Amino acid sequence: VFTHWGLSGPAVLKLSAWGARELYDRAYTTPIGINWLPHLTLAEITQSLQSLRSTKKQINSNPQFNLPKRLWHYLTDRAGIKSEQKWAELSKQNLKELSQQLHQCQLILTGKGIFKEEFVTCGGVDLKEIDCKFMSSKLVPNCYFAGEILDIDGITGGFNFQSAWTTGYLAGVAIRSSRRHH
């Protein structure tokens, strides 16, 4: 999903979960490539655009490949095409650039979205150091952990909440049980 503030949606959120550590290591700045027309080759895109060079219509007024108008304007701008430019005036260089934008658009991801860390926690106490039955530390006696302090990557949809509630319950029961024995 492309929004006015950036990329979003289930695919982007899942990808950010899988790449959370790498994104962190890169200070949340990394290149991404997008093929807007995966069903077409670069040559097919170029040929289709080339066929339009015989018309006198404005390029920006005639989005191609059923792309949304705002996306089309964004891509033509990135290709160096002026807003009033006509297909008949399209240079070979602009044609090549527009084809590239449609087939191999390179963007730079910068920063986190508006939701910051709410979706993926990534990092925290290593689960190898925890007795997951009791949520107790294997290294420090009488130390218990729960929720997002643990190194558990959570996918959206309430899974982080469920993990926090479950680990909190397990830790609470273990603490209560250990106090009864002391």
N, C-alpha and C. Protein backbone atom coordinates (compact mmCIF):
# COMPACT_ATOMS: atom_id res chain seq x y z
N VAL A 1 0.85 -1.16 0.00
CA VAL A 1 0.00 0.00 0.00
C VAL A 1 0.90 1.24 0.00
N PHE A 2 0.64 2.14 -0.94
CA PHE A 2 1.39 3.39 -1.02
C PHE A 2 0.50 4.49 -0.47
N THR A 3 1.01 5.19 0.52
CA THR A 3 0.23 6.24 1.17
C THR A 3 0.93 7.57 0.96
N HIS A 4 0.31 8.65 1.44
CA HIS A 4 0.91 9.97 1.34
C HIS A 4 2.14 10.10 2.24
N TRP A 5 2.33 9.19 3.21
CA TRP A 5 3.48 9.27 4.11
C TRP A 5 4.48 8.16 3.90
N GLY A 6 4.20 7.21 2.99
CA GLY A 6 5.17 6.16 2.72
C GLY A 6 4.53 4.83 2.40
N LEU A 7 5.31 3.77 2.54
CA LEU A 7 4.83 2.42 2.27
C LEU A 7 4.19 1.83 3.51
N SER A 8 3.14 1.04 3.32
CA SER A 8 2.45 0.43 4.44
C SER A 8 1.82 -0.87 3.97
N GLY A 9 1.01 -1.44 4.81
CA GLY A 9 0.27 -2.64 4.45
C GLY A 9 0.95 -3.91 4.94
N PRO A 10 0.24 -5.03 4.86
CA PRO A 10 0.75 -6.29 5.40
C PRO A 10 2.10 -6.71 4.83
N ALA A 11 2.31 -6.56 3.53
CA ALA A 11 3.59 -7.00 2.94
C ALA A 11 4.76 -6.19 3.49
N VAL A 12 4.60 -4.88 3.56
CA VAL A 12 5.68 -4.02 4.06
C VAL A 12 5.93 -4.29 5.53
N LEU A 13 4.87 -4.47 6.30
CA LEU A 13 5.05 -4.75 7.73
C LEU A 13 5.74 -6.08 7.95
N LYS A 14 5.39 -7.09 7.17
CA LYS A 14 6.04 -8.39 7.31
C LYS A 14 7.50 -8.30 6.88
N LEU A 15 7.78 -7.61 5.78
CA LEU A 15 9.17 -7.43 5.33
C LEU A 15 9.98 -6.68 6.38
N SER A 16 9.38 -5.67 7.01
CA SER A 16 10.11 -4.93 8.04
C SER A 16 10.38 -5.80 9.25
N ALA A 17 9.50 -6.76 9.52
CA ALA A 17 9.76 -7.69 10.62
C ALA A 17 10.93 -8.60 10.27
N TRP A 18 10.94 -9.12 9.05
CA TRP A 18 12.02 -10.02 8.64
C TRP A 18 13.36 -9.29 8.59
N GLY A 19 13.34 -8.01 8.21
CA GLY A 19 14.58 -7.27 8.07
C GLY A 19 14.85 -6.29 9.19
N ALA A 20 14.19 -6.44 10.32
CA ALA A 20 14.27 -5.45 11.40
C ALA A 20 15.71 -5.21 11.86
N ARG A 21 16.46 -6.25 12.06
CA ARG A 21 17.84 -6.07 12.54
C ARG A 21 18.71 -5.38 11.49
N GLU A 22 18.55 -5.79 10.25
CA GLU A 22 19.33 -5.16 9.17
C GLU A 22 18.93 -3.70 9.00
N LEU A 23 17.63 -3.40 9.08
CA LEU A 23 17.18 -2.01 8.99
C LEU A 23 17.76 -1.18 10.13
N TYR A 24 17.77 -1.75 11.32
CA TYR A 24 18.36 -1.05 12.47
C TYR A 24 19.84 -0.78 12.22
N ASP A 25 20.58 -1.80 11.74
CA ASP A 25 22.01 -1.65 11.46
C ASP A 25 22.28 -0.58 10.41
N ARG A 26 21.32 -0.36 9.52
CA ARG A 26 21.46 0.64 8.45
C ARG A 26 20.81 1.98 8.83
N ALA A 27 20.51 2.15 10.09
CA ALA A 27 19.86 3.37 10.59
C ALA A 27 18.57 3.67 9.81
N TYR A 28 17.85 2.61 9.47
CA TYR A 28 16.57 2.70 8.76
C TYR A 28 16.68 3.48 7.45
N THR A 29 17.80 3.30 6.77
CA THR A 29 18.00 3.88 5.44
C THR A 29 18.53 2.78 4.54
N THR A 30 17.79 2.46 3.49
CA THR A 30 18.21 1.40 2.57
C THR A 30 17.52 1.58 1.23
N PRO A 31 18.19 1.18 0.15
CA PRO A 31 17.53 1.27 -1.16
C PRO A 31 16.52 0.14 -1.34
N ILE A 32 15.45 0.44 -2.06
CA ILE A 32 14.49 -0.59 -2.44
C ILE A 32 14.21 -0.43 -3.93
N GLY A 33 13.94 -1.51 -4.58
CA GLY A 33 13.61 -1.48 -6.00
C GLY A 33 12.18 -1.94 -6.21
N ILE A 34 11.48 -1.26 -7.11
CA ILE A 34 10.09 -1.61 -7.39
C ILE A 34 9.90 -1.76 -8.90
N ASN A 35 9.35 -2.87 -9.30
CA ASN A 35 8.95 -3.08 -10.69
C ASN A 35 7.44 -2.87 -10.72
N TRP A 36 7.02 -1.74 -11.26
CA TRP A 36 5.60 -1.39 -11.28
C TRP A 36 4.81 -2.26 -12.26
N LEU A 37 5.51 -2.88 -13.20
CA LEU A 37 4.84 -3.68 -14.24
C LEU A 37 5.51 -5.05 -14.35
N PRO A 38 5.38 -5.88 -13.33
CA PRO A 38 6.11 -7.15 -13.33
C PRO A 38 5.70 -8.11 -14.45
N HIS A 39 4.56 -7.87 -15.05
CA HIS A 39 4.09 -8.73 -16.14
C HIS A 39 4.70 -8.36 -17.48
N LEU A 40 5.48 -7.26 -17.53
CA LEU A 40 6.11 -6.81 -18.77
C LEU A 40 7.62 -6.74 -18.62
N THR A 41 8.32 -7.01 -19.71
CA THR A 41 9.77 -6.85 -19.71
C THR A 41 10.10 -5.38 -19.97
N LEU A 42 11.34 -5.01 -19.72
CA LEU A 42 11.78 -3.64 -20.00
C LEU A 42 11.60 -3.32 -21.48
N ALA A 43 11.91 -4.26 -22.34
CA ALA A 43 11.76 -4.05 -23.80
C ALA A 43 10.30 -3.83 -24.18
N GLU A 44 9.39 -4.59 -23.56
CA GLU A 44 7.96 -4.43 -23.86
C GLU A 44 7.45 -3.06 -23.39
N ILE A 45 7.91 -2.61 -22.24
CA ILE A 45 7.52 -1.29 -21.73
C ILE A 45 8.02 -0.22 -22.68
N THR A 46 9.28 -0.31 -23.03
CA THR A 46 9.88 0.69 -23.94
C THR A 46 9.14 0.71 -25.27
N GLN A 47 8.84 -0.46 -25.82
CA GLN A 47 8.14 -0.54 -27.10
C GLN A 47 6.75 0.09 -27.00
N SER A 48 6.04 -0.18 -25.92
CA SER A 48 4.71 0.39 -25.73
C SER A 48 4.77 1.92 -25.65
N LEU A 49 5.74 2.44 -24.90
CA LEU A 49 5.89 3.89 -24.79
C LEU A 49 6.35 4.50 -26.12
N GLN A 50 7.22 3.79 -26.81
CA GLN A 50 7.72 4.26 -28.12
C GLN A 50 6.57 4.46 -29.10
N SER A 51 5.59 3.56 -29.04
CA SER A 51 4.46 3.64 -29.98
C SER A 51 3.61 4.90 -29.74
N LEU A 52 3.71 5.50 -28.57
CA LEU A 52 2.94 6.70 -28.25
C LEU A 52 3.60 7.98 -28.76
N ARG A 53 4.85 7.91 -29.20
CA ARG A 53 5.59 9.10 -29.63
C ARG A 53 5.01 9.72 -30.90
N SER A 54 4.10 9.03 -31.55
CA SER A 54 3.47 9.59 -32.75
C SER A 54 2.23 10.43 -32.41
N THR A 55 1.86 10.47 -31.14
CA THR A 55 0.67 11.24 -30.75
C THR A 55 1.06 12.62 -30.22
N LYS A 56 0.10 13.54 -30.24
CA LYS A 56 0.34 14.89 -29.76
C LYS A 56 -0.27 15.12 -28.37
N LYS A 57 -0.68 14.04 -27.72
CA LYS A 57 -1.27 14.16 -26.38
C LYS A 57 -0.18 14.44 -25.36
N GLN A 58 -0.59 15.11 -24.27
CA GLN A 58 0.35 15.36 -23.18
C GLN A 58 0.62 14.05 -22.43
N ILE A 59 1.85 13.87 -22.05
CA ILE A 59 2.25 12.64 -21.36
C ILE A 59 1.57 12.53 -20.01
N ASN A 60 1.59 13.61 -19.22
CA ASN A 60 1.02 13.56 -17.88
C ASN A 60 -0.49 13.43 -17.87
N SER A 61 -1.14 13.84 -18.93
CA SER A 61 -2.61 13.74 -19.00
C SER A 61 -3.07 12.36 -19.42
N ASN A 62 -2.13 11.50 -19.79
CA ASN A 62 -2.48 10.19 -20.31
C ASN A 62 -1.68 9.07 -19.62
N PRO A 63 -2.01 8.79 -18.36
CA PRO A 63 -1.31 7.70 -17.67
C PRO A 63 -1.43 6.39 -18.45
N GLN A 64 -0.36 5.64 -18.49
CA GLN A 64 -0.33 4.38 -19.21
C GLN A 64 -0.35 3.20 -18.23
N PHE A 65 -0.61 2.03 -18.76
CA PHE A 65 -0.55 0.77 -18.02
C PHE A 65 -1.51 0.75 -16.83
N ASN A 66 -2.58 1.53 -16.91
CA ASN A 66 -3.59 1.59 -15.83
C ASN A 66 -3.01 2.01 -14.49
N LEU A 67 -1.94 2.78 -14.52
CA LEU A 67 -1.36 3.29 -13.28
C LEU A 67 -2.17 4.47 -12.77
N PRO A 68 -2.28 4.64 -11.46
CA PRO A 68 -2.97 5.82 -10.92
C PRO A 68 -2.28 7.10 -11.40
N LYS A 69 -3.07 8.13 -11.59
CA LYS A 69 -2.56 9.39 -12.14
C LYS A 69 -1.43 9.98 -11.28
N ARG A 70 -1.59 9.97 -9.96
CA ARG A 70 -0.55 10.55 -9.09
C ARG A 70 0.75 9.76 -9.18
N LEU A 71 0.67 8.44 -9.27
CA LEU A 71 1.87 7.63 -9.43
C LEU A 71 2.50 7.90 -10.79
N TRP A 72 1.68 7.98 -11.83
CA TRP A 72 2.17 8.28 -13.17
C TRP A 72 2.91 9.63 -13.18
N HIS A 73 2.33 10.64 -12.55
CA HIS A 73 2.99 11.96 -12.48
C HIS A 73 4.31 11.87 -11.73
N TYR A 74 4.32 11.12 -10.65
CA TYR A 74 5.55 10.95 -9.87
C TYR A 74 6.65 10.30 -10.72
N LEU A 75 6.29 9.25 -11.45
CA LEU A 75 7.28 8.54 -12.26
C LEU A 75 7.75 9.36 -13.46
N THR A 76 6.84 10.09 -14.09
CA THR A 76 7.27 10.94 -15.21
C THR A 76 8.16 12.08 -14.72
N ASP A 77 7.86 12.61 -13.54
CA ASP A 77 8.71 13.65 -12.96
C ASP A 77 10.11 13.09 -12.68
N ARG A 78 10.18 11.90 -12.12
CA ARG A 78 11.48 11.26 -11.85
C ARG A 78 12.25 11.00 -13.15
N ALA A 79 11.52 10.81 -14.25
CA ALA A 79 12.15 10.56 -15.54
C ALA A 79 12.56 11.87 -16.23
N GLY A 80 12.28 13.01 -15.59
CA GLY A 80 12.68 14.29 -16.14
C GLY A 80 11.73 14.84 -17.19
N ILE A 81 10.51 14.37 -17.20
CA ILE A 81 9.52 14.81 -18.18
C ILE A 81 8.74 15.98 -17.62
N LYS A 82 8.68 17.05 -18.39
CA LYS A 82 7.96 18.26 -17.97
C LYS A 82 6.45 18.01 -18.03
N SER A 83 5.71 18.66 -17.14
CA SER A 83 4.28 18.39 -17.01
C SER A 83 3.49 18.65 -18.29
N GLU A 84 3.91 19.62 -19.11
CA GLU A 84 3.16 19.93 -20.33
C GLU A 84 3.71 19.22 -21.57
N GLN A 85 4.75 18.42 -21.39
CA GLN A 85 5.41 17.76 -22.53
C GLN A 85 4.47 16.76 -23.21
N LYS A 86 4.55 16.73 -24.55
CA LYS A 86 3.72 15.84 -25.35
C LYS A 86 4.52 14.59 -25.73
N TRP A 87 3.78 13.50 -26.03
CA TRP A 87 4.43 12.25 -26.42
C TRP A 87 5.34 12.46 -27.64
N ALA A 88 4.90 13.28 -28.59
CA ALA A 88 5.69 13.51 -29.81
C ALA A 88 7.02 14.21 -29.49
N GLU A 89 7.10 14.89 -28.35
CA GLU A 89 8.33 15.61 -27.96
C GLU A 89 9.25 14.79 -27.06
N LEU A 90 8.87 13.57 -26.76
CA LEU A 90 9.62 12.75 -25.83
C LEU A 90 10.97 12.34 -26.42
N SER A 91 12.03 12.71 -25.74
CA SER A 91 13.38 12.37 -26.22
C SER A 91 13.68 10.89 -25.95
N LYS A 92 14.69 10.38 -26.64
CA LYS A 92 15.10 8.99 -26.42
C LYS A 92 15.56 8.79 -24.98
N GLN A 93 16.21 9.80 -24.43
CA GLN A 93 16.69 9.71 -23.04
C GLN A 93 15.52 9.67 -22.06
N ASN A 94 14.51 10.55 -22.29
CA ASN A 94 13.33 10.53 -21.42
C ASN A 94 12.56 9.22 -21.55
N LEU A 95 12.49 8.69 -22.76
CA LEU A 95 11.83 7.41 -22.98
C LEU A 95 12.54 6.30 -22.20
N LYS A 96 13.86 6.31 -22.29
CA LYS A 96 14.66 5.32 -21.56
C LYS A 96 14.47 5.47 -20.05
N GLU A 97 14.50 6.72 -19.56
CA GLU A 97 14.32 6.98 -18.12
C GLU A 97 12.94 6.55 -17.63
N LEU A 98 11.91 6.86 -18.40
CA LEU A 98 10.56 6.48 -18.00
C LEU A 98 10.41 4.96 -17.99
N SER A 99 10.95 4.30 -18.97
CA SER A 99 10.91 2.83 -19.00
C SER A 99 11.61 2.27 -17.77
N GLN A 100 12.75 2.84 -17.42
CA GLN A 100 13.50 2.40 -16.24
C GLN A 100 12.68 2.62 -14.96
N GLN A 101 12.05 3.78 -14.85
CA GLN A 101 11.23 4.06 -13.67
C GLN A 101 10.09 3.06 -13.52
N LEU A 102 9.52 2.66 -14.63
CA LEU A 102 8.41 1.71 -14.60
C LEU A 102 8.87 0.29 -14.30
N HIS A 103 10.08 -0.04 -14.73
CA HIS A 103 10.55 -1.43 -14.61
C HIS A 103 11.51 -1.64 -13.44
N GLN A 104 12.30 -0.62 -13.11
CA GLN A 104 13.32 -0.77 -12.06
C GLN A 104 13.43 0.50 -11.24
N CYS A 105 12.33 0.96 -10.70
CA CYS A 105 12.31 2.19 -9.91
C CYS A 105 13.12 1.98 -8.63
N GLN A 106 14.09 2.84 -8.41
CA GLN A 106 14.93 2.75 -7.22
C GLN A 106 14.55 3.87 -6.26
N LEU A 107 14.13 3.49 -5.06
CA LEU A 107 13.76 4.45 -4.03
C LEU A 107 14.66 4.23 -2.82
N ILE A 108 14.77 5.23 -2.00
CA ILE A 108 15.53 5.10 -0.76
C ILE A 108 14.56 5.15 0.40
N LEU A 109 14.52 4.07 1.16
CA LEU A 109 13.71 4.02 2.36
C LEU A 109 14.48 4.80 3.42
N THR A 110 13.82 5.75 4.03
CA THR A 110 14.46 6.55 5.08
C THR A 110 13.55 6.63 6.29
N GLY A 111 14.05 6.15 7.39
CA GLY A 111 13.33 6.27 8.65
C GLY A 111 12.21 5.27 8.82
N LYS A 112 11.59 5.38 9.96
CA LYS A 112 10.47 4.51 10.32
C LYS A 112 9.18 5.22 9.96
N GLY A 113 8.13 4.45 9.88
CA GLY A 113 6.82 5.02 9.58
C GLY A 113 6.24 5.73 10.79
N ILE A 114 5.01 6.17 10.64
CA ILE A 114 4.36 6.91 11.71
C ILE A 114 4.08 6.06 12.93
N PHE A 115 4.15 4.73 12.78
CA PHE A 115 3.85 3.85 13.91
C PHE A 115 5.09 3.49 14.71
N LYS A 116 6.27 3.89 14.24
CA LYS A 116 7.56 3.64 14.90
C LYS A 116 7.72 2.18 15.30
N GLU A 117 7.88 1.89 16.58
CA GLU A 117 8.17 0.52 17.02
C GLU A 117 6.94 -0.29 17.41
N GLU A 118 5.74 0.19 17.18
CA GLU A 118 4.58 -0.51 17.68
C GLU A 118 4.40 -1.89 17.07
N PHE A 119 4.91 -2.12 15.87
CA PHE A 119 4.64 -3.37 15.18
C PHE A 119 5.70 -4.44 15.42
N VAL A 120 6.95 -4.08 15.43
CA VAL A 120 8.01 -5.06 15.55
C VAL A 120 8.94 -4.61 16.65
N THR A 121 9.15 -5.48 17.63
CA THR A 121 10.00 -5.08 18.74
C THR A 121 11.47 -5.38 18.45
N CYS A 122 11.79 -6.53 17.94
CA CYS A 122 13.14 -6.94 17.55
C CYS A 122 14.20 -6.50 18.55
N GLY A 123 14.81 -7.48 19.19
CA GLY A 123 15.84 -7.19 20.19
C GLY A 123 15.27 -7.43 21.58
N GLY A 124 16.14 -7.42 22.55
CA GLY A 124 15.72 -7.68 23.92
C GLY A 124 16.44 -8.88 24.47
N VAL A 125 15.91 -9.41 25.54
CA VAL A 125 16.54 -10.54 26.21
C VAL A 125 16.45 -11.77 25.31
N ASP A 126 17.59 -12.39 25.06
CA ASP A 126 17.67 -13.57 24.20
C ASP A 126 16.88 -14.71 24.82
N LEU A 127 16.04 -15.36 24.03
CA LEU A 127 15.21 -16.45 24.53
C LEU A 127 16.03 -17.65 24.99
N LYS A 128 17.26 -17.77 24.53
CA LYS A 128 18.14 -18.85 24.99
C LYS A 128 18.51 -18.67 26.46
N GLU A 129 18.37 -17.45 26.96
CA GLU A 129 18.70 -17.15 28.36
C GLU A 129 17.49 -17.24 29.27
N ILE A 130 16.36 -17.70 28.73
CA ILE A 130 15.10 -17.72 29.47
C ILE A 130 14.57 -19.16 29.56
N ASP A 131 14.07 -19.54 30.72
CA ASP A 131 13.31 -20.78 30.85
C ASP A 131 11.87 -20.39 30.47
N CYS A 132 11.48 -20.73 29.25
CA CYS A 132 10.21 -20.24 28.71
C CYS A 132 8.99 -20.84 29.41
N LYS A 133 9.15 -21.91 30.17
CA LYS A 133 8.03 -22.47 30.91
C LYS A 133 7.64 -21.54 32.07
N PHE A 134 8.65 -20.88 32.64
CA PHE A 134 8.41 -20.00 33.79
C PHE A 134 8.77 -18.54 33.50
N MET A 135 9.32 -18.27 32.35
CA MET A 135 9.78 -16.94 31.94
C MET A 135 10.86 -16.42 32.88
N SER A 136 11.61 -17.33 33.46
CA SER A 136 12.67 -16.94 34.40
C SER A 136 14.02 -16.95 33.70
N SER A 137 14.91 -16.10 34.21
CA SER A 137 16.26 -16.02 33.68
C SER A 137 17.05 -17.27 34.03
N LYS A 138 17.81 -17.78 33.09
CA LYS A 138 18.72 -18.89 33.35
C LYS A 138 20.02 -18.36 33.96
N LEU A 139 20.22 -17.03 33.90
CA LEU A 139 21.47 -16.43 34.36
C LEU A 139 21.35 -15.76 35.72
N VAL A 140 20.17 -15.21 36.02
CA VAL A 140 19.98 -14.45 37.26
C VAL A 140 18.82 -15.07 38.03
N PRO A 141 19.08 -15.59 39.23
CA PRO A 141 18.00 -16.21 40.01
C PRO A 141 16.91 -15.18 40.35
N ASN A 142 15.67 -15.65 40.39
CA ASN A 142 14.50 -14.83 40.76
C ASN A 142 14.31 -13.60 39.87
N CYS A 143 14.71 -13.72 38.61
CA CYS A 143 14.52 -12.63 37.64
C CYS A 143 13.62 -13.18 36.53
N TYR A 144 12.53 -12.47 36.26
CA TYR A 144 11.54 -12.93 35.30
C TYR A 144 11.34 -11.88 34.22
N PHE A 145 10.97 -12.34 33.04
CA PHE A 145 10.78 -11.43 31.92
C PHE A 145 9.46 -11.71 31.22
N ALA A 146 8.88 -10.67 30.65
CA ALA A 146 7.62 -10.82 29.92
C ALA A 146 7.49 -9.71 28.88
N GLY A 147 6.68 -9.98 27.89
CA GLY A 147 6.33 -8.95 26.91
C GLY A 147 7.46 -8.55 25.99
N GLU A 148 7.50 -7.27 25.66
CA GLU A 148 8.42 -6.78 24.65
C GLU A 148 9.85 -6.62 25.12
N ILE A 149 10.13 -6.95 26.36
CA ILE A 149 11.51 -6.98 26.84
C ILE A 149 12.22 -8.20 26.25
N LEU A 150 11.43 -9.18 25.78
CA LEU A 150 11.97 -10.41 25.18
C LEU A 150 12.27 -10.21 23.71
N ASP A 151 13.23 -10.96 23.20
CA ASP A 151 13.58 -10.88 21.78
C ASP A 151 12.60 -11.72 20.97
N ILE A 152 11.42 -11.16 20.80
CA ILE A 152 10.38 -11.80 20.00
C ILE A 152 9.91 -10.78 18.98
N ASP A 153 9.99 -11.13 17.70
CA ASP A 153 9.47 -10.26 16.66
C ASP A 153 7.98 -10.51 16.52
N GLY A 154 7.21 -9.45 16.64
CA GLY A 154 5.77 -9.59 16.57
C GLY A 154 5.21 -9.07 15.28
N ILE A 155 4.31 -9.82 14.69
CA ILE A 155 3.60 -9.38 13.49
C ILE A 155 2.32 -8.70 13.96
N THR A 156 1.85 -7.74 13.19
CA THR A 156 0.67 -6.98 13.59
C THR A 156 -0.55 -7.88 13.74
N GLY A 157 -1.57 -7.32 14.31
CA GLY A 157 -2.83 -8.04 14.45
C GLY A 157 -3.05 -8.55 15.86
N GLY A 158 -2.36 -7.98 16.84
CA GLY A 158 -2.58 -8.39 18.21
C GLY A 158 -1.62 -9.44 18.73
N PHE A 159 -0.71 -9.92 17.88
CA PHE A 159 0.22 -10.96 18.31
C PHE A 159 1.16 -10.46 19.40
N ASN A 160 1.59 -9.21 19.31
CA ASN A 160 2.44 -8.64 20.37
C ASN A 160 1.69 -8.61 21.69
N PHE A 161 0.42 -8.21 21.64
CA PHE A 161 -0.39 -8.20 22.86
C PHE A 161 -0.52 -9.61 23.43
N GLN A 162 -0.83 -10.56 22.57
CA GLN A 162 -1.00 -11.94 23.04
C GLN A 162 0.29 -12.46 23.66
N SER A 163 1.42 -12.17 23.04
CA SER A 163 2.71 -12.58 23.59
C SER A 163 2.94 -11.94 24.95
N ALA A 164 2.63 -10.66 25.07
CA ALA A 164 2.82 -9.96 26.35
C ALA A 164 1.91 -10.55 27.43
N TRP A 165 0.65 -10.81 27.09
CA TRP A 165 -0.28 -11.36 28.08
C TRP A 165 0.14 -12.77 28.51
N THR A 166 0.52 -13.59 27.54
CA THR A 166 0.89 -14.98 27.84
C THR A 166 2.16 -15.05 28.67
N THR A 167 3.20 -14.32 28.25
CA THR A 167 4.45 -14.37 29.00
C THR A 167 4.29 -13.71 30.36
N GLY A 168 3.48 -12.67 30.44
CA GLY A 168 3.19 -12.04 31.73
C GLY A 168 2.48 -12.99 32.68
N TYR A 169 1.52 -13.74 32.14
CA TYR A 169 0.80 -14.72 32.95
C TYR A 169 1.76 -15.80 33.46
N LEU A 170 2.60 -16.34 32.54
CA LEU A 170 3.54 -17.39 32.94
C LEU A 170 4.51 -16.89 34.01
N ALA A 171 5.03 -15.69 33.82
CA ALA A 171 5.95 -15.12 34.82
C ALA A 171 5.23 -14.90 36.15
N GLY A 172 4.03 -14.37 36.10
CA GLY A 172 3.27 -14.12 37.33
C GLY A 172 2.98 -15.39 38.11
N VAL A 173 2.56 -16.44 37.42
CA VAL A 173 2.30 -17.72 38.08
C VAL A 173 3.58 -18.27 38.69
N ALA A 174 4.70 -18.17 37.95
CA ALA A 174 5.98 -18.67 38.45
C ALA A 174 6.44 -17.90 39.67
N ILE A 175 6.26 -16.58 39.67
CA ILE A 175 6.65 -15.74 40.81
C ILE A 175 5.80 -16.11 42.03
N ARG A 176 4.49 -16.21 41.82
CA ARG A 176 3.59 -16.59 42.92
C ARG A 176 3.99 -17.95 43.49
N SER A 177 4.26 -18.89 42.62
CA SER A 177 4.64 -20.23 43.06
C SER A 177 5.96 -20.22 43.82
N SER A 178 6.93 -19.43 43.34
CA SER A 178 8.24 -19.39 44.02
C SER A 178 8.12 -18.73 45.40
N ARG A 179 7.20 -17.81 45.58
CA ARG A 179 7.04 -17.12 46.87
C ARG A 179 6.35 -18.04 47.88
N ARG A 180 5.51 -18.92 47.40
CA ARG A 180 4.85 -19.88 48.29
C ARG A 180 5.85 -20.86 48.88
N HIS A 181 6.90 -21.12 48.10
CA HIS A 181 7.92 -22.09 48.54
C HIS A 181 9.00 -21.47 49.39
N HIS A 182 8.96 -20.16 49.58
CA HIS A 182 10.01 -19.49 50.38
C HIS A 182 9.48 -18.97 51.67
